[in-house]
Amino acid sequence: MSLVKPAARIFSPSRNAMQSGPGKAGSWVLEFAPDVRPTVDRLMGWTGGLSTERQVRLTFPSREAAEAYAKSEGLHYVLEVPPAPKPIKPKSYSDNFRNNRLENWTH
């Protein structure tokens, strides 16, 4: 039995730490896996290689579109499904001044 090395990775990128809204939440990215190990230049110490596929990032509006592209090109891919988002408990400003408050005051 031979194991086939995945040629691509399909994933949904996580939000930036500075984002609070759902921007870029529905997009999916296809990245190619490196096929050659990167080399270190002895003079400058920079890391490089002969493969330019690592520089290619394809974005798709849906997971199905990314999978359809990978199948049409004959790419072996790994699908990374993001975890389900945690539900946000709604709060109001008046909750800060409740009598039966469970948390301590922070100021």
PDB file of N, CA and C in Angstrom:
ATOM      1  N   MET A   1       0.842  -1.176   0.000  1.00  0.00           N
ATOM      2  CA  MET A   1       0.000   0.000   0.000  1.00  0.00           C
ATOM      3  C   MET A   1       0.885   1.235   0.000  1.00  0.00           C
ATOM      4  N   SER A   2       0.687   2.107  -0.954  1.00  0.00           N
ATOM      5  CA  SER A   2       1.491   3.322  -1.028  1.00  0.00           C
ATOM      6  C   SER A   2       0.680   4.517  -0.546  1.00  0.00           C
ATOM      7  N   LEU A   3       1.300   5.329   0.261  1.00  0.00           N
ATOM      8  CA  LEU A   3       0.650   6.535   0.750  1.00  0.00           C
ATOM      9  C   LEU A   3       0.892   7.668  -0.234  1.00  0.00           C
ATOM     10  N   VAL A   4      -0.165   8.362  -0.587  1.00  0.00           N
ATOM     11  CA  VAL A   4      -0.062   9.470  -1.525  1.00  0.00           C
ATOM     12  C   VAL A   4       0.089  10.757  -0.729  1.00  0.00           C
ATOM     13  N   LYS A   5       1.153  11.467  -0.994  1.00  0.00           N
ATOM     14  CA  LYS A   5       1.399  12.735  -0.318  1.00  0.00           C
ATOM     15  C   LYS A   5       0.447  13.788  -0.873  1.00  0.00           C
ATOM     16  N   PRO A   6      -0.253  14.533  -0.007  1.00  0.00           N
ATOM     17  CA  PRO A   6      -1.173  15.544  -0.529  1.00  0.00           C
ATOM     18  C   PRO A   6      -0.411  16.658  -1.237  1.00  0.00           C
ATOM     19  N   ALA A   7      -0.932  17.079  -2.374  1.00  0.00           N
ATOM     20  CA  ALA A   7      -0.302  18.136  -3.151  1.00  0.00           C
ATOM     21  C   ALA A   7      -0.848  19.499  -2.784  1.00  0.00           C
ATOM     22  N   ALA A   8      -2.008  19.540  -2.108  1.00  0.00           N
ATOM     23  CA  ALA A   8      -2.620  20.824  -1.764  1.00  0.00           C
ATOM     24  C   ALA A   8      -3.361  20.715  -0.439  1.00  0.00           C
ATOM     25  N   ARG A   9      -3.629  21.871   0.120  1.00  0.00           N
ATOM     26  CA  ARG A   9      -4.364  21.964   1.384  1.00  0.00           C
ATOM     27  C   ARG A   9      -5.473  22.979   1.177  1.00  0.00           C
ATOM     28  N   ILE A  10      -6.708  22.609   1.510  1.00  0.00           N
ATOM     29  CA  ILE A  10      -7.858  23.504   1.396  1.00  0.00           C
ATOM     30  C   ILE A  10      -8.321  23.818   2.812  1.00  0.00           C
ATOM     31  N   PHE A  11      -8.422  25.111   3.129  1.00  0.00           N
ATOM     32  CA  PHE A  11      -8.815  25.521   4.469  1.00  0.00           C
ATOM     33  C   PHE A  11      -9.512  26.869   4.415  1.00  0.00           C
ATOM     34  N   SER A  12     -10.199  27.183   5.492  1.00  0.00           N
ATOM     35  CA  SER A  12     -10.831  28.493   5.649  1.00  0.00           C
ATOM     36  C   SER A  12      -9.950  29.302   6.589  1.00  0.00           C
ATOM     37  N   PRO A  13      -9.412  30.456   6.143  1.00  0.00           N
ATOM     38  CA  PRO A  13      -8.491  31.199   6.998  1.00  0.00           C
ATOM     39  C   PRO A  13      -9.193  31.775   8.224  1.00  0.00           C
ATOM     40  N   SER A  14      -8.468  31.827   9.315  1.00  0.00           N
ATOM     41  CA  SER A  14      -9.034  32.387  10.538  1.00  0.00           C
ATOM     42  C   SER A  14      -9.026  33.907  10.465  1.00  0.00           C
ATOM     43  N   ARG A  15      -9.816  34.506  11.323  1.00  0.00           N
ATOM     44  CA  ARG A  15      -9.897  35.962  11.344  1.00  0.00           C
ATOM     45  C   ARG A  15      -8.611  36.561  11.891  1.00  0.00           C
ATOM     46  N   ASN A  16      -8.369  37.767  11.491  1.00  0.00           N
ATOM     47  CA  ASN A  16      -7.271  38.536  12.034  1.00  0.00           C
ATOM     48  C   ASN A  16      -7.608  38.887  13.483  1.00  0.00           C
ATOM     49  N   ALA A  17      -6.630  39.071  14.334  1.00  0.00           N
ATOM     50  CA  ALA A  17      -6.883  39.426  15.722  1.00  0.00           C
ATOM     51  C   ALA A  17      -7.535  40.802  15.850  1.00  0.00           C
ATOM     52  N   MET A  18      -7.386  41.619  14.840  1.00  0.00           N
ATOM     53  CA  MET A  18      -7.964  42.957  14.880  1.00  0.00           C
ATOM     54  C   MET A  18      -9.393  42.990  14.337  1.00  0.00           C
ATOM     55  N   GLN A  19      -9.916  41.869  13.872  1.00  0.00           N
ATOM     56  CA  GLN A  19     -11.265  41.829  13.335  1.00  0.00           C
ATOM     57  C   GLN A  19     -12.246  41.376  14.396  1.00  0.00           C
ATOM     58  N   SER A  20     -13.369  42.040  14.470  1.00  0.00           N
ATOM     59  CA  SER A  20     -14.416  41.573  15.368  1.00  0.00           C
ATOM     60  C   SER A  20     -15.621  41.078  14.589  1.00  0.00           C
ATOM     61  N   GLY A  21     -15.729  41.441  13.334  1.00  0.00           N
ATOM     62  CA  GLY A  21     -16.863  41.041  12.515  1.00  0.00           C
ATOM     63  C   GLY A  21     -16.557  39.803  11.703  1.00  0.00           C
ATOM     64  N   PRO A  22     -17.513  39.376  10.897  1.00  0.00           N
ATOM     65  CA  PRO A  22     -17.334  38.153  10.115  1.00  0.00           C
ATOM     66  C   PRO A  22     -16.681  38.392   8.754  1.00  0.00           C
ATOM     67  N   GLY A  23     -15.799  39.360   8.634  1.00  0.00           N
ATOM     68  CA  GLY A  23     -15.134  39.616   7.362  1.00  0.00           C
ATOM     69  C   GLY A  23     -14.234  38.464   6.955  1.00  0.00           C
ATOM     70  N   LYS A  24     -14.223  38.102   5.702  1.00  0.00           N
ATOM     71  CA  LYS A  24     -13.448  36.994   5.135  1.00  0.00           C
ATOM     72  C   LYS A  24     -13.828  35.647   5.743  1.00  0.00           C
ATOM     73  N   ALA A  25     -14.993  35.569   6.363  1.00  0.00           N
ATOM     74  CA  ALA A  25     -15.374  34.333   7.037  1.00  0.00           C
ATOM     75  C   ALA A  25     -15.795  33.251   6.054  1.00  0.00           C
ATOM     76  N   GLY A  26     -16.294  33.609   4.895  1.00  0.00           N
ATOM     77  CA  GLY A  26     -16.792  32.606   3.978  1.00  0.00           C
ATOM     78  C   GLY A  26     -15.801  32.171   2.920  1.00  0.00           C
ATOM     79  N   SER A  27     -14.609  32.744   2.896  1.00  0.00           N
ATOM     80  CA  SER A  27     -13.659  32.412   1.840  1.00  0.00           C
ATOM     81  C   SER A  27     -12.874  31.146   2.183  1.00  0.00           C
ATOM     82  N   TRP A  28     -12.412  30.467   1.151  1.00  0.00           N
ATOM     83  CA  TRP A  28     -11.610  29.260   1.299  1.00  0.00           C
ATOM     84  C   TRP A  28     -10.341  29.425   0.486  1.00  0.00           C
ATOM     85  N   VAL A  29      -9.248  28.850   0.958  1.00  0.00           N
ATOM     86  CA  VAL A  29      -7.936  29.006   0.333  1.00  0.00           C
ATOM     87  C   VAL A  29      -7.390  27.639  -0.032  1.00  0.00           C
ATOM     88  N   LEU A  30      -6.779  27.568  -1.213  1.00  0.00           N
ATOM     89  CA  LEU A  30      -6.069  26.368  -1.639  1.00  0.00           C
ATOM     90  C   LEU A  30      -4.586  26.726  -1.698  1.00  0.00           C
ATOM     91  N   GLU A  31      -3.778  26.044  -0.882  1.00  0.00           N
ATOM     92  CA  GLU A  31      -2.324  26.232  -0.870  1.00  0.00           C
ATOM     93  C   GLU A  31      -1.666  24.937  -1.305  1.00  0.00           C
ATOM     94  N   PHE A  32      -0.604  25.057  -2.067  1.00  0.00           N
ATOM     95  CA  PHE A  32       0.143  23.884  -2.499  1.00  0.00           C
ATOM     96  C   PHE A  32       1.154  23.496  -1.441  1.00  0.00           C
ATOM     97  N   ALA A  33       1.314  22.201  -1.240  1.00  0.00           N
ATOM     98  CA  ALA A  33       2.297  21.689  -0.287  1.00  0.00           C
ATOM     99  C   ALA A  33       3.673  21.730  -0.942  1.00  0.00           C
ATOM    100  N   PRO A  34       4.713  21.982  -0.150  1.00  0.00           N
ATOM    101  CA  PRO A  34       6.054  22.005  -0.745  1.00  0.00           C
ATOM    102  C   PRO A  34       6.463  20.598  -1.177  1.00  0.00           C
ATOM    103  N   ASP A  35       7.004  20.512  -2.383  1.00  0.00           N
ATOM    104  CA  ASP A  35       7.437  19.203  -2.875  1.00  0.00           C
ATOM    105  C   ASP A  35       8.938  19.006  -2.694  1.00  0.00           C
ATOM    106  N   VAL A  36       9.672  20.101  -2.504  1.00  0.00           N
ATOM    107  CA  VAL A  36      11.116  20.037  -2.315  1.00  0.00           C
ATOM    108  C   VAL A  36      11.438  20.749  -1.002  1.00  0.00           C
ATOM    109  N   ARG A  37      12.361  20.189  -0.269  1.00  0.00           N
ATOM    110  CA  ARG A  37      12.764  20.798   0.997  1.00  0.00           C
ATOM    111  C   ARG A  37      13.491  22.116   0.732  1.00  0.00           C
ATOM    112  N   PRO A  38      13.185  23.187   1.511  1.00  0.00           N
ATOM    113  CA  PRO A  38      13.868  24.460   1.286  1.00  0.00           C
ATOM    114  C   PRO A  38      15.359  24.359   1.632  1.00  0.00           C
ATOM    115  N   THR A  39      16.153  25.142   0.919  1.00  0.00           N
ATOM    116  CA  THR A  39      17.593  25.141   1.146  1.00  0.00           C
ATOM    117  C   THR A  39      18.011  26.462   1.770  1.00  0.00           C
ATOM    118  N   VAL A  40      19.126  26.453   2.469  1.00  0.00           N
ATOM    119  CA  VAL A  40      19.662  27.650   3.109  1.00  0.00           C
ATOM    120  C   VAL A  40      20.871  28.122   2.312  1.00  0.00           C
ATOM    121  N   ASP A  41      20.850  29.396   1.931  1.00  0.00           N
ATOM    122  CA  ASP A  41      21.978  29.982   1.222  1.00  0.00           C
ATOM    123  C   ASP A  41      23.134  30.134   2.208  1.00  0.00           C
ATOM    124  N   ARG A  42      24.313  29.613   1.874  1.00  0.00           N
ATOM    125  CA  ARG A  42      25.441  29.632   2.820  1.00  0.00           C
ATOM    126  C   ARG A  42      25.998  31.033   3.036  1.00  0.00           C
ATOM    127  N   LEU A  43      25.940  31.883   2.040  1.00  0.00           N
ATOM    128  CA  LEU A  43      26.521  33.214   2.153  1.00  0.00           C
ATOM    129  C   LEU A  43      25.629  34.157   2.955  1.00  0.00           C
ATOM    130  N   MET A  44      24.359  34.262   2.597  1.00  0.00           N
ATOM    131  CA  MET A  44      23.459  35.224   3.227  1.00  0.00           C
ATOM    132  C   MET A  44      22.631  34.617   4.355  1.00  0.00           C
ATOM    133  N   GLY A  45      22.448  33.309   4.367  1.00  0.00           N
ATOM    134  CA  GLY A  45      21.647  32.669   5.391  1.00  0.00           C
ATOM    135  C   GLY A  45      20.159  32.691   5.097  1.00  0.00           C
ATOM    136  N   TRP A  46      19.762  33.102   3.902  1.00  0.00           N
ATOM    137  CA  TRP A  46      18.357  33.145   3.540  1.00  0.00           C
ATOM    138  C   TRP A  46      17.870  31.748   3.192  1.00  0.00           C
ATOM    139  N   THR A  47      16.583  31.523   3.406  1.00  0.00           N
ATOM    140  CA  THR A  47      15.970  30.253   3.053  1.00  0.00           C
ATOM    141  C   THR A  47      15.296  30.405   1.710  1.00  0.00           C
ATOM    142  N   GLY A  48      15.544  29.480   0.828  1.00  0.00           N
ATOM    143  CA  GLY A  48      14.947  29.525  -0.501  1.00  0.00           C
ATOM    144  C   GLY A  48      14.771  28.127  -1.051  1.00  0.00           C
ATOM    145  N   GLY A  49      14.369  28.064  -2.280  1.00  0.00           N
ATOM    146  CA  GLY A  49      14.185  26.769  -2.907  1.00  0.00           C
ATOM    147  C   GLY A  49      13.871  26.930  -4.375  1.00  0.00           C
ATOM    148  N   LEU A  50      13.733  25.808  -5.031  1.00  0.00           N
ATOM    149  CA  LEU A  50      13.460  25.807  -6.455  1.00  0.00           C
ATOM    150  C   LEU A  50      11.967  25.779  -6.766  1.00  0.00           C
ATOM    151  N   SER A  51      11.152  25.444  -5.786  1.00  0.00           N
ATOM    152  CA  SER A  51       9.721  25.312  -6.016  1.00  0.00           C
ATOM    153  C   SER A  51       9.031  26.664  -5.813  1.00  0.00           C
ATOM    154  N   THR A  52       8.297  27.104  -6.831  1.00  0.00           N
ATOM    155  CA  THR A  52       7.551  28.367  -6.721  1.00  0.00           C
ATOM    156  C   THR A  52       6.092  28.146  -6.360  1.00  0.00           C
ATOM    157  N   GLU A  53       5.674  26.885  -6.212  1.00  0.00           N
ATOM    158  CA  GLU A  53       4.279  26.607  -5.888  1.00  0.00           C
ATOM    159  C   GLU A  53       3.907  27.073  -4.487  1.00  0.00           C
ATOM    160  N   ARG A  54       4.872  27.216  -3.588  1.00  0.00           N
ATOM    161  CA  ARG A  54       4.563  27.674  -2.229  1.00  0.00           C
ATOM    162  C   ARG A  54       4.098  29.118  -2.215  1.00  0.00           C
ATOM    163  N   GLN A  55       4.382  29.863  -3.262  1.00  0.00           N
ATOM    164  CA  GLN A  55       3.989  31.264  -3.321  1.00  0.00           C
ATOM    165  C   GLN A  55       2.564  31.439  -3.842  1.00  0.00           C
ATOM    166  N   VAL A  56       1.949  30.375  -4.328  1.00  0.00           N
ATOM    167  CA  VAL A  56       0.621  30.459  -4.926  1.00  0.00           C
ATOM    168  C   VAL A  56      -0.434  30.154  -3.872  1.00  0.00           C
ATOM    169  N   ARG A  57      -1.375  31.098  -3.704  1.00  0.00           N
ATOM    170  CA  ARG A  57      -2.533  30.916  -2.823  1.00  0.00           C
ATOM    171  C   ARG A  57      -3.768  31.270  -3.631  1.00  0.00           C
ATOM    172  N   LEU A  58      -4.618  30.291  -3.859  1.00  0.00           N
ATOM    173  CA  LEU A  58      -5.839  30.521  -4.605  1.00  0.00           C
ATOM    174  C   LEU A  58      -7.001  30.663  -3.638  1.00  0.00           C
ATOM    175  N   THR A  59      -7.817  31.703  -3.802  1.00  0.00           N
ATOM    176  CA  THR A  59      -8.980  31.904  -2.940  1.00  0.00           C
ATOM    177  C   THR A  59     -10.249  31.576  -3.714  1.00  0.00           C
ATOM    178  N   PHE A  60     -11.204  31.002  -3.000  1.00  0.00           N
ATOM    179  CA  PHE A  60     -12.477  30.589  -3.578  1.00  0.00           C
ATOM    180  C   PHE A  60     -13.610  31.064  -2.679  1.00  0.00           C
ATOM    181  N   PRO A  61     -14.780  31.314  -3.258  1.00  0.00           N
ATOM    182  CA  PRO A  61     -15.905  31.791  -2.439  1.00  0.00           C
ATOM    183  C   PRO A  61     -16.532  30.698  -1.579  1.00  0.00           C
ATOM    184  N   SER A  62     -16.327  29.426  -1.934  1.00  0.00           N
ATOM    185  CA  SER A  62     -16.930  28.342  -1.157  1.00  0.00           C
ATOM    186  C   SER A  62     -16.003  27.131  -1.143  1.00  0.00           C
ATOM    187  N   ARG A  63     -16.277  26.235  -0.207  1.00  0.00           N
ATOM    188  CA  ARG A  63     -15.488  25.003  -0.098  1.00  0.00           C
ATOM    189  C   ARG A  63     -15.705  24.120  -1.318  1.00  0.00           C
ATOM    190  N   GLU A  64     -16.941  24.084  -1.802  1.00  0.00           N
ATOM    191  CA  GLU A  64     -17.256  23.248  -2.958  1.00  0.00           C
ATOM    192  C   GLU A  64     -16.494  23.707  -4.197  1.00  0.00           C
ATOM    193  N   ALA A  65     -16.337  25.030  -4.356  1.00  0.00           N
ATOM    194  CA  ALA A  65     -15.596  25.551  -5.507  1.00  0.00           C
ATOM    195  C   ALA A  65     -14.124  25.169  -5.420  1.00  0.00           C
ATOM    196  N   ALA A  66     -13.552  25.209  -4.220  1.00  0.00           N
ATOM    197  CA  ALA A  66     -12.145  24.831  -4.043  1.00  0.00           C
ATOM    198  C   ALA A  66     -11.947  23.344  -4.309  1.00  0.00           C
ATOM    199  N   GLU A  67     -12.869  22.524  -3.820  1.00  0.00           N
ATOM    200  CA  GLU A  67     -12.765  21.084  -4.068  1.00  0.00           C
ATOM    201  C   GLU A  67     -12.958  20.758  -5.544  1.00  0.00           C
ATOM    202  N   ALA A  68     -13.880  21.460  -6.202  1.00  0.00           N
ATOM    203  CA  ALA A  68     -14.108  21.220  -7.626  1.00  0.00           C
ATOM    204  C   ALA A  68     -12.867  21.585  -8.440  1.00  0.00           C
ATOM    205  N   TYR A  69     -12.184  22.664  -8.066  1.00  0.00           N
ATOM    206  CA  TYR A  69     -10.963  23.046  -8.773  1.00  0.00           C
ATOM    207  C   TYR A  69      -9.875  21.986  -8.583  1.00  0.00           C
ATOM    208  N   ALA A  70      -9.706  21.525  -7.341  1.00  0.00           N
ATOM    209  CA  ALA A  70      -8.671  20.522  -7.070  1.00  0.00           C
ATOM    210  C   ALA A  70      -8.961  19.225  -7.828  1.00  0.00           C
ATOM    211  N   LYS A  71     -10.224  18.834  -7.885  1.00  0.00           N
ATOM    212  CA  LYS A  71     -10.577  17.604  -8.613  1.00  0.00           C
ATOM    213  C   LYS A  71     -10.391  17.775 -10.108  1.00  0.00           C
ATOM    214  N   SER A  72     -10.734  18.968 -10.629  1.00  0.00           N
ATOM    215  CA  SER A  72     -10.584  19.178 -12.074  1.00  0.00           C
ATOM    216  C   SER A  72      -9.118  19.199 -12.501  1.00  0.00           C
ATOM    217  N   GLU A  73      -8.232  19.630 -11.589  1.00  0.00           N
ATOM    218  CA  GLU A  73      -6.794  19.647 -11.893  1.00  0.00           C
ATOM    219  C   GLU A  73      -6.097  18.349 -11.522  1.00  0.00           C
ATOM    220  N   GLY A  74      -6.813  17.425 -10.890  1.00  0.00           N
ATOM    221  CA  GLY A  74      -6.232  16.146 -10.512  1.00  0.00           C
ATOM    222  C   GLY A  74      -5.301  16.238  -9.309  1.00  0.00           C
ATOM    223  N   LEU A  75      -5.549  17.171  -8.419  1.00  0.00           N
ATOM    224  CA  LEU A  75      -4.701  17.362  -7.237  1.00  0.00           C
ATOM    225  C   LEU A  75      -5.196  16.504  -6.081  1.00  0.00           C
ATOM    226  N   HIS A  76      -4.277  15.897  -5.375  1.00  0.00           N
ATOM    227  CA  HIS A  76      -4.605  15.249  -4.115  1.00  0.00           C
ATOM    228  C   HIS A  76      -4.597  16.344  -3.060  1.00  0.00           C
ATOM    229  N   TYR A  77      -5.661  16.431  -2.281  1.00  0.00           N
ATOM    230  CA  TYR A  77      -5.764  17.535  -1.323  1.00  0.00           C
ATOM    231  C   TYR A  77      -6.227  17.039   0.035  1.00  0.00           C
ATOM    232  N   VAL A  78      -5.951  17.860   1.036  1.00  0.00           N
ATOM    233  CA  VAL A  78      -6.401  17.625   2.398  1.00  0.00           C
ATOM    234  C   VAL A  78      -7.349  18.759   2.745  1.00  0.00           C
ATOM    235  N   LEU A  79      -8.537  18.420   3.239  1.00  0.00           N
ATOM    236  CA  LEU A  79      -9.538  19.411   3.594  1.00  0.00           C
ATOM    237  C   LEU A  79      -9.500  19.631   5.096  1.00  0.00           C
ATOM    238  N   GLU A  80      -9.288  20.862   5.519  1.00  0.00           N
ATOM    239  CA  GLU A  80      -9.262  21.213   6.934  1.00  0.00           C
ATOM    240  C   GLU A  80     -10.521  22.022   7.243  1.00  0.00           C
ATOM    241  N   VAL A  81     -11.473  21.379   7.909  1.00  0.00           N
ATOM    242  CA  VAL A  81     -12.739  22.024   8.239  1.00  0.00           C
ATOM    243  C   VAL A  81     -12.573  22.793   9.549  1.00  0.00           C
ATOM    244  N   PRO A  82     -12.944  24.086   9.582  1.00  0.00           N
ATOM    245  CA  PRO A  82     -12.783  24.852  10.826  1.00  0.00           C
ATOM    246  C   PRO A  82     -13.791  24.404  11.881  1.00  0.00           C
ATOM    247  N   PRO A  83     -13.461  24.568  13.156  1.00  0.00           N
ATOM    248  CA  PRO A  83     -14.408  24.193  14.209  1.00  0.00           C
ATOM    249  C   PRO A  83     -15.615  25.124  14.193  1.00  0.00           C
ATOM    250  N   ALA A  84     -16.717  24.631  14.731  1.00  0.00           N
ATOM    251  CA  ALA A  84     -17.936  25.440  14.790  1.00  0.00           C
ATOM    252  C   ALA A  84     -17.714  26.633  15.723  1.00  0.00           C
ATOM    253  N   PRO A  85     -18.225  27.815  15.360  1.00  0.00           N
ATOM    254  CA  PRO A  85     -18.020  28.978  16.221  1.00  0.00           C
ATOM    255  C   PRO A  85     -18.793  28.847  17.525  1.00  0.00           C
ATOM    256  N   LYS A  86     -18.211  29.386  18.582  1.00  0.00           N
ATOM    257  CA  LYS A  86     -18.858  29.358  19.888  1.00  0.00           C
ATOM    258  C   LYS A  86     -19.994  30.377  19.900  1.00  0.00           C
ATOM    259  N   PRO A  87     -21.119  30.019  20.495  1.00  0.00           N
ATOM    260  CA  PRO A  87     -22.216  30.988  20.552  1.00  0.00           C
ATOM    261  C   PRO A  87     -21.865  32.145  21.494  1.00  0.00           C
ATOM    262  N   ILE A  88     -22.301  33.323  21.120  1.00  0.00           N
ATOM    263  CA  ILE A  88     -22.038  34.516  21.916  1.00  0.00           C
ATOM    264  C   ILE A  88     -23.262  34.813  22.770  1.00  0.00           C
ATOM    265  N   LYS A  89     -23.049  34.915  24.080  1.00  0.00           N
ATOM    266  CA  LYS A  89     -24.138  35.205  25.000  1.00  0.00           C
ATOM    267  C   LYS A  89     -24.461  36.695  24.912  1.00  0.00           C
ATOM    268  N   PRO A  90     -25.708  37.040  24.588  1.00  0.00           N
ATOM    269  CA  PRO A  90     -26.035  38.460  24.497  1.00  0.00           C
ATOM    270  C   PRO A  90     -25.993  39.132  25.866  1.00  0.00           C
ATOM    271  N   LYS A  91     -25.461  40.352  25.905  1.00  0.00           N
ATOM    272  CA  LYS A  91     -25.377  41.125  27.143  1.00  0.00           C
ATOM    273  C   LYS A  91     -25.918  42.513  26.882  1.00  0.00           C
ATOM    274  N   SER A  92     -26.328  43.136  27.929  1.00  0.00           N
ATOM    275  CA  SER A  92     -26.742  44.522  27.819  1.00  0.00           C
ATOM    276  C   SER A  92     -25.956  45.345  28.841  1.00  0.00           C
ATOM    277  N   TYR A  93     -25.954  46.639  28.643  1.00  0.00           N
ATOM    278  CA  TYR A  93     -25.200  47.527  29.527  1.00  0.00           C
ATOM    279  C   TYR A  93     -25.748  47.492  30.949  1.00  0.00           C
ATOM    280  N   SER A  94     -27.038  47.290  31.081  1.00  0.00           N
ATOM    281  CA  SER A  94     -27.636  47.289  32.419  1.00  0.00           C
ATOM    282  C   SER A  94     -27.217  46.072  33.234  1.00  0.00           C
ATOM    283  N   ASP A  95     -26.698  45.019  32.581  1.00  0.00           N
ATOM    284  CA  ASP A  95     -26.220  43.850  33.327  1.00  0.00           C
ATOM    285  C   ASP A  95     -25.040  44.192  34.223  1.00  0.00           C
ATOM    286  N   ASN A  96     -24.318  45.262  33.935  1.00  0.00           N
ATOM    287  CA  ASN A  96     -23.194  45.663  34.777  1.00  0.00           C
ATOM    288  C   ASN A  96     -23.643  46.127  36.157  1.00  0.00           C
ATOM    289  N   PHE A  97     -24.911  46.525  36.305  1.00  0.00           N
ATOM    290  CA  PHE A  97     -25.388  47.102  37.561  1.00  0.00           C
ATOM    291  C   PHE A  97     -26.462  46.247  38.220  1.00  0.00           C
ATOM    292  N   ARG A  98     -26.517  44.965  37.897  1.00  0.00           N
ATOM    293  CA  ARG A  98     -27.493  44.064  38.511  1.00  0.00           C
ATOM    294  C   ARG A  98     -27.177  43.847  39.973  1.00  0.00           C
ATOM    295  N   ASN A  99     -28.201  43.534  40.772  1.00  0.00           N
ATOM    296  CA  ASN A  99     -27.993  43.212  42.186  1.00  0.00           C
ATOM    297  C   ASN A  99     -27.466  41.799  42.365  1.00  0.00           C
ATOM    298  N   ASN A 100     -27.915  40.875  41.578  1.00  0.00           N
ATOM    299  CA  ASN A 100     -27.499  39.471  41.715  1.00  0.00           C
ATOM    300  C   ASN A 100     -26.352  39.136  40.764  1.00  0.00           C
ATOM    301  N   ARG A 101     -25.446  40.027  40.617  1.00  0.00           N
ATOM    302  CA  ARG A 101     -24.304  39.871  39.726  1.00  0.00           C
ATOM    303  C   ARG A 101     -23.358  38.785  40.252  1.00  0.00           C
ATOM    304  N   LEU A 102     -22.901  37.882  39.383  1.00  0.00           N
ATOM    305  CA  LEU A 102     -22.028  36.779  39.803  1.00  0.00           C
ATOM    306  C   LEU A 102     -20.562  37.150  39.771  1.00  0.00           C
ATOM    307  N   GLU A 103     -20.150  38.023  38.846  1.00  0.00           N
ATOM    308  CA  GLU A 103     -18.752  38.393  38.741  1.00  0.00           C
ATOM    309  C   GLU A 103     -18.447  39.580  39.647  1.00  0.00           C
ATOM    310  N   ASN A 104     -17.159  39.711  40.007  1.00  0.00           N
ATOM    311  CA  ASN A 104     -16.744  40.854  40.803  1.00  0.00           C
ATOM    312  C   ASN A 104     -16.594  42.095  39.925  1.00  0.00           C
ATOM    313  N   TRP A 105     -16.634  43.238  40.558  1.00  0.00           N
ATOM    314  CA  TRP A 105     -16.376  44.487  39.830  1.00  0.00           C
ATOM    315  C   TRP A 105     -14.907  44.529  39.440  1.00  0.00           C
ATOM    316  N   THR A 106     -14.639  45.046  38.261  1.00  0.00           N
ATOM    317  CA  THR A 106     -13.256  45.101  37.788  1.00  0.00           C
ATOM    318  C   THR A 106     -12.649  46.476  37.948  1.00  0.00           C
ATOM    319  N   HIS A 107     -13.400  47.450  38.449  1.00  0.00           N
ATOM    320  CA  HIS A 107     -12.855  48.790  38.634  1.00  0.00           C
ATOM    321  C   HIS A 107     -13.296  49.389  39.943  1.00  0.00           C
TER     322      HIS A 107
END
